[in-house]
Amino acid sequence: VLEQIARNGLGAPGAGMGMADFGNVAELHECVTVMFTDVVGFTTMSNAVGPGAVMGFISELFSLMDSLCDVHGVSKYDTAGDSYIVVGGLMEQDEQGFKV
């Protein structure tokens, strides 16, 4: 399906691929929360201080957010620049305590 989208694009609604074609790549999750964060003023701060200070700030901030994820039982999904993405209700623990 993804290769077909890359080749042909999505096209007009109702044309080409039907919704049933996405059944191979989509999953239903009854209750999922996604949180996107962005540091206000990050670009301004980055221009005003050196790269070491920027990296130190992001490292400390993301480490704190990692700890909060553990406390609240949510999972870090991704980081990009100063953005941090968290999901809740998507991962479950198996009988050995691993997230699946």
N, C-alpha and C. Protein backbone atom coordinates (compact mmCIF):
# COMPACT_ATOMS: atom_id res chain seq x y z
N VAL A 1 0.82 -1.18 0.00
CA VAL A 1 0.00 0.00 0.00
C VAL A 1 0.87 1.25 0.00
N LEU A 2 1.88 1.29 0.88
CA LEU A 2 2.74 2.47 0.96
C LEU A 2 3.51 2.69 -0.34
N GLU A 3 3.95 1.61 -0.96
CA GLU A 3 4.64 1.74 -2.24
C GLU A 3 3.70 2.30 -3.30
N GLN A 4 2.45 1.87 -3.28
CA GLN A 4 1.47 2.38 -4.24
C GLN A 4 1.22 3.86 -4.01
N ILE A 5 1.13 4.29 -2.76
CA ILE A 5 0.96 5.72 -2.46
C ILE A 5 2.16 6.50 -2.97
N ALA A 6 3.38 5.98 -2.72
CA ALA A 6 4.58 6.66 -3.17
C ALA A 6 4.61 6.80 -4.69
N ARG A 7 4.16 5.76 -5.39
CA ARG A 7 4.15 5.80 -6.86
C ARG A 7 3.06 6.70 -7.41
N ASN A 8 1.85 6.58 -6.87
CA ASN A 8 0.68 7.20 -7.47
C ASN A 8 0.09 8.36 -6.68
N GLY A 9 0.52 8.55 -5.47
CA GLY A 9 -0.10 9.57 -4.63
C GLY A 9 -1.44 9.08 -4.12
N LEU A 10 -2.08 9.89 -3.30
CA LEU A 10 -3.36 9.50 -2.73
C LEU A 10 -4.50 9.72 -3.71
N GLY A 11 -4.37 10.70 -4.60
CA GLY A 11 -5.44 10.96 -5.56
C GLY A 11 -6.63 11.61 -4.89
N ALA A 12 -7.69 11.79 -5.67
CA ALA A 12 -8.90 12.41 -5.17
C ALA A 12 -9.64 11.44 -4.26
N PRO A 13 -10.39 11.97 -3.28
CA PRO A 13 -11.17 11.09 -2.42
C PRO A 13 -12.10 10.20 -3.25
N GLY A 14 -12.12 8.93 -2.93
CA GLY A 14 -12.98 8.00 -3.64
C GLY A 14 -12.36 7.44 -4.91
N ALA A 15 -11.23 7.97 -5.32
CA ALA A 15 -10.59 7.49 -6.54
C ALA A 15 -9.43 6.57 -6.18
N GLY A 16 -9.19 5.57 -6.96
CA GLY A 16 -8.02 4.70 -6.74
C GLY A 16 -8.21 3.80 -5.55
N MET A 17 -7.46 4.04 -4.48
CA MET A 17 -7.44 3.15 -3.33
C MET A 17 -8.67 3.37 -2.46
N GLY A 18 -9.32 2.30 -2.07
CA GLY A 18 -10.43 2.38 -1.14
C GLY A 18 -9.95 2.26 0.28
N MET A 19 -10.80 2.56 1.23
CA MET A 19 -10.42 2.50 2.64
C MET A 19 -10.02 1.08 3.05
N ALA A 20 -10.63 0.07 2.44
CA ALA A 20 -10.30 -1.31 2.79
C ALA A 20 -8.85 -1.65 2.47
N ASP A 21 -8.25 -0.95 1.53
CA ASP A 21 -6.86 -1.21 1.17
C ASP A 21 -5.89 -0.87 2.30
N PHE A 22 -6.30 -0.06 3.27
CA PHE A 22 -5.42 0.32 4.37
C PHE A 22 -5.46 -0.68 5.51
N GLY A 23 -6.27 -1.71 5.39
CA GLY A 23 -6.40 -2.71 6.45
C GLY A 23 -5.11 -3.43 6.77
N ASN A 24 -4.18 -3.49 5.84
CA ASN A 24 -2.91 -4.17 6.07
C ASN A 24 -1.93 -3.35 6.88
N VAL A 25 -2.12 -2.03 6.95
CA VAL A 25 -1.16 -1.18 7.65
C VAL A 25 -1.76 -0.44 8.83
N ALA A 26 -3.08 -0.47 8.99
CA ALA A 26 -3.74 0.27 10.07
C ALA A 26 -4.22 -0.67 11.16
N GLU A 27 -4.17 -0.19 12.39
CA GLU A 27 -4.68 -0.93 13.53
C GLU A 27 -5.63 -0.04 14.30
N LEU A 28 -6.62 -0.63 14.92
CA LEU A 28 -7.57 0.11 15.75
C LEU A 28 -7.11 0.07 17.19
N HIS A 29 -7.08 1.22 17.82
CA HIS A 29 -6.78 1.34 19.24
C HIS A 29 -7.91 2.15 19.85
N GLU A 30 -8.58 1.58 20.82
CA GLU A 30 -9.79 2.18 21.38
C GLU A 30 -9.54 3.51 22.08
N CYS A 31 -8.45 3.64 22.81
CA CYS A 31 -8.25 4.85 23.60
C CYS A 31 -6.76 5.18 23.63
N VAL A 32 -6.33 6.04 22.75
CA VAL A 32 -4.93 6.44 22.66
C VAL A 32 -4.84 7.96 22.76
N THR A 33 -3.86 8.42 23.51
CA THR A 33 -3.60 9.85 23.63
C THR A 33 -2.21 10.11 23.07
N VAL A 34 -2.09 11.16 22.26
CA VAL A 34 -0.80 11.58 21.72
C VAL A 34 -0.56 13.01 22.18
N MET A 35 0.62 13.25 22.76
CA MET A 35 0.97 14.59 23.20
C MET A 35 2.20 15.06 22.42
N PHE A 36 2.08 16.21 21.80
CA PHE A 36 3.18 16.84 21.09
C PHE A 36 3.63 18.04 21.91
N THR A 37 4.92 18.14 22.17
CA THR A 37 5.43 19.30 22.90
C THR A 37 6.38 20.09 22.01
N ASP A 38 6.49 21.35 22.30
CA ASP A 38 7.39 22.23 21.58
C ASP A 38 7.85 23.29 22.57
N VAL A 39 9.13 23.56 22.62
CA VAL A 39 9.69 24.53 23.56
C VAL A 39 9.50 25.93 22.99
N VAL A 40 8.68 26.73 23.68
CA VAL A 40 8.46 28.11 23.26
C VAL A 40 9.76 28.90 23.41
N GLY A 41 10.15 29.62 22.38
CA GLY A 41 11.35 30.44 22.43
C GLY A 41 12.64 29.67 22.15
N PHE A 42 12.53 28.41 21.73
CA PHE A 42 13.72 27.60 21.53
C PHE A 42 14.63 28.18 20.45
N THR A 43 14.07 28.60 19.34
CA THR A 43 14.89 29.14 18.25
C THR A 43 15.62 30.41 18.69
N THR A 44 14.91 31.27 19.41
CA THR A 44 15.53 32.50 19.91
C THR A 44 16.66 32.16 20.88
N MET A 45 16.41 31.21 21.80
CA MET A 45 17.43 30.80 22.75
C MET A 45 18.63 30.19 22.02
N SER A 46 18.36 29.37 21.03
CA SER A 46 19.43 28.70 20.28
C SER A 46 20.34 29.70 19.59
N ASN A 47 19.77 30.81 19.15
CA ASN A 47 20.56 31.85 18.49
C ASN A 47 21.35 32.69 19.48
N ALA A 48 20.93 32.68 20.75
CA ALA A 48 21.55 33.55 21.74
C ALA A 48 22.65 32.87 22.55
N VAL A 49 22.65 31.53 22.61
CA VAL A 49 23.65 30.82 23.42
C VAL A 49 24.41 29.84 22.53
N GLY A 50 25.46 29.28 23.06
CA GLY A 50 26.28 28.35 22.29
C GLY A 50 25.64 26.97 22.16
N PRO A 51 26.17 26.17 21.23
CA PRO A 51 25.61 24.84 21.00
C PRO A 51 25.66 23.93 22.22
N GLY A 52 26.69 24.06 23.03
CA GLY A 52 26.79 23.24 24.24
C GLY A 52 25.66 23.52 25.21
N ALA A 53 25.31 24.79 25.36
CA ALA A 53 24.21 25.16 26.26
C ALA A 53 22.88 24.65 25.72
N VAL A 54 22.70 24.72 24.41
CA VAL A 54 21.46 24.22 23.79
C VAL A 54 21.34 22.72 24.02
N MET A 55 22.40 21.98 23.73
CA MET A 55 22.37 20.53 23.91
C MET A 55 22.18 20.15 25.37
N GLY A 56 22.82 20.89 26.27
CA GLY A 56 22.66 20.62 27.70
C GLY A 56 21.22 20.84 28.15
N PHE A 57 20.62 21.92 27.67
CA PHE A 57 19.23 22.22 28.01
C PHE A 57 18.30 21.12 27.51
N ILE A 58 18.44 20.74 26.23
CA ILE A 58 17.58 19.71 25.65
C ILE A 58 17.79 18.37 26.35
N SER A 59 19.04 18.02 26.63
CA SER A 59 19.34 16.76 27.31
C SER A 59 18.68 16.71 28.68
N GLU A 60 18.80 17.79 29.45
CA GLU A 60 18.21 17.84 30.79
C GLU A 60 16.68 17.80 30.70
N LEU A 61 16.11 18.57 29.78
CA LEU A 61 14.66 18.60 29.62
C LEU A 61 14.11 17.24 29.22
N PHE A 62 14.73 16.62 28.21
CA PHE A 62 14.24 15.33 27.73
C PHE A 62 14.46 14.22 28.76
N SER A 63 15.52 14.30 29.54
CA SER A 63 15.72 13.32 30.62
C SER A 63 14.61 13.45 31.66
N LEU A 64 14.24 14.67 31.99
CA LEU A 64 13.14 14.89 32.93
C LEU A 64 11.84 14.34 32.35
N MET A 65 11.59 14.59 31.07
CA MET A 65 10.38 14.10 30.43
C MET A 65 10.37 12.57 30.35
N ASP A 66 11.54 11.96 30.11
CA ASP A 66 11.65 10.50 30.13
C ASP A 66 11.23 9.95 31.49
N SER A 67 11.69 10.60 32.56
CA SER A 67 11.33 10.18 33.92
C SER A 67 9.83 10.31 34.16
N LEU A 68 9.25 11.40 33.67
CA LEU A 68 7.81 11.60 33.83
C LEU A 68 7.01 10.55 33.05
N CYS A 69 7.53 10.14 31.90
CA CYS A 69 6.87 9.07 31.14
C CYS A 69 6.81 7.80 31.97
N ASP A 70 7.92 7.47 32.63
CA ASP A 70 7.97 6.27 33.47
C ASP A 70 6.97 6.38 34.63
N VAL A 71 6.91 7.54 35.26
CA VAL A 71 6.02 7.75 36.40
C VAL A 71 4.56 7.60 35.99
N HIS A 72 4.21 8.12 34.81
CA HIS A 72 2.81 8.17 34.38
C HIS A 72 2.41 7.03 33.44
N GLY A 73 3.34 6.12 33.15
CA GLY A 73 3.01 4.95 32.35
C GLY A 73 2.71 5.23 30.89
N VAL A 74 3.33 6.26 30.36
CA VAL A 74 3.20 6.55 28.93
C VAL A 74 4.55 6.30 28.26
N SER A 75 4.57 6.32 26.93
CA SER A 75 5.79 5.99 26.20
C SER A 75 6.24 7.14 25.34
N LYS A 76 7.56 7.42 25.39
CA LYS A 76 8.11 8.39 24.46
C LYS A 76 8.06 7.77 23.07
N TYR A 77 7.50 8.50 22.13
CA TYR A 77 7.41 8.00 20.77
C TYR A 77 8.58 8.49 19.94
N ASP A 78 8.89 9.79 20.04
CA ASP A 78 9.95 10.35 19.19
C ASP A 78 10.36 11.71 19.72
N THR A 79 11.55 12.13 19.32
CA THR A 79 12.00 13.50 19.53
C THR A 79 12.54 14.02 18.20
N ALA A 80 12.37 15.29 17.99
CA ALA A 80 12.91 15.94 16.79
C ALA A 80 13.20 17.38 17.15
N GLY A 81 14.48 17.74 17.19
CA GLY A 81 14.83 19.09 17.61
C GLY A 81 14.37 19.31 19.03
N ASP A 82 13.51 20.31 19.23
CA ASP A 82 12.98 20.58 20.57
C ASP A 82 11.60 19.98 20.78
N SER A 83 11.15 19.15 19.85
CA SER A 83 9.83 18.51 19.97
C SER A 83 9.97 17.14 20.64
N TYR A 84 9.00 16.83 21.48
CA TYR A 84 8.98 15.57 22.22
C TYR A 84 7.57 15.01 22.07
N ILE A 85 7.46 13.78 21.61
CA ILE A 85 6.15 13.18 21.34
C ILE A 85 5.95 11.98 22.26
N VAL A 86 4.81 11.97 22.96
CA VAL A 86 4.48 10.94 23.93
C VAL A 86 3.16 10.29 23.52
N VAL A 87 3.04 8.97 23.72
CA VAL A 87 1.77 8.28 23.49
C VAL A 87 1.38 7.53 24.76
N GLY A 88 0.09 7.51 25.01
CA GLY A 88 -0.47 6.74 26.11
C GLY A 88 -1.58 5.85 25.59
N GLY A 89 -1.69 4.65 26.10
CA GLY A 89 -2.74 3.74 25.70
C GLY A 89 -2.42 2.93 24.47
N LEU A 90 -1.21 3.05 23.97
CA LEU A 90 -0.82 2.33 22.76
C LEU A 90 -0.04 1.05 23.08
N MET A 91 0.82 1.13 24.08
CA MET A 91 1.67 0.00 24.45
C MET A 91 1.06 -0.71 25.66
N GLU A 92 1.23 -2.02 25.70
CA GLU A 92 0.82 -2.83 26.84
C GLU A 92 2.01 -3.64 27.30
N GLN A 93 1.98 -4.06 28.56
CA GLN A 93 3.05 -4.91 29.08
C GLN A 93 2.66 -6.37 28.95
N ASP A 94 3.63 -7.17 28.52
CA ASP A 94 3.38 -8.61 28.46
C ASP A 94 3.61 -9.21 29.86
N GLU A 95 3.48 -10.53 29.98
CA GLU A 95 3.60 -11.19 31.28
C GLU A 95 4.98 -11.05 31.91
N GLN A 96 6.00 -10.69 31.11
CA GLN A 96 7.35 -10.50 31.64
C GLN A 96 7.67 -9.04 31.91
N GLY A 97 6.71 -8.15 31.69
CA GLY A 97 6.90 -6.74 31.98
C GLY A 97 7.45 -5.94 30.81
N PHE A 98 7.59 -6.56 29.62
CA PHE A 98 8.07 -5.84 28.45
C PHE A 98 6.92 -5.15 27.74
N LYS A 99 7.17 -3.94 27.22
CA LYS A 99 6.13 -3.23 26.49
C LYS A 99 6.03 -3.80 25.08
N VAL A 100 4.81 -4.07 24.66
CA VAL A 100 4.56 -4.62 23.32
C VAL A 100 3.50 -3.80 22.62
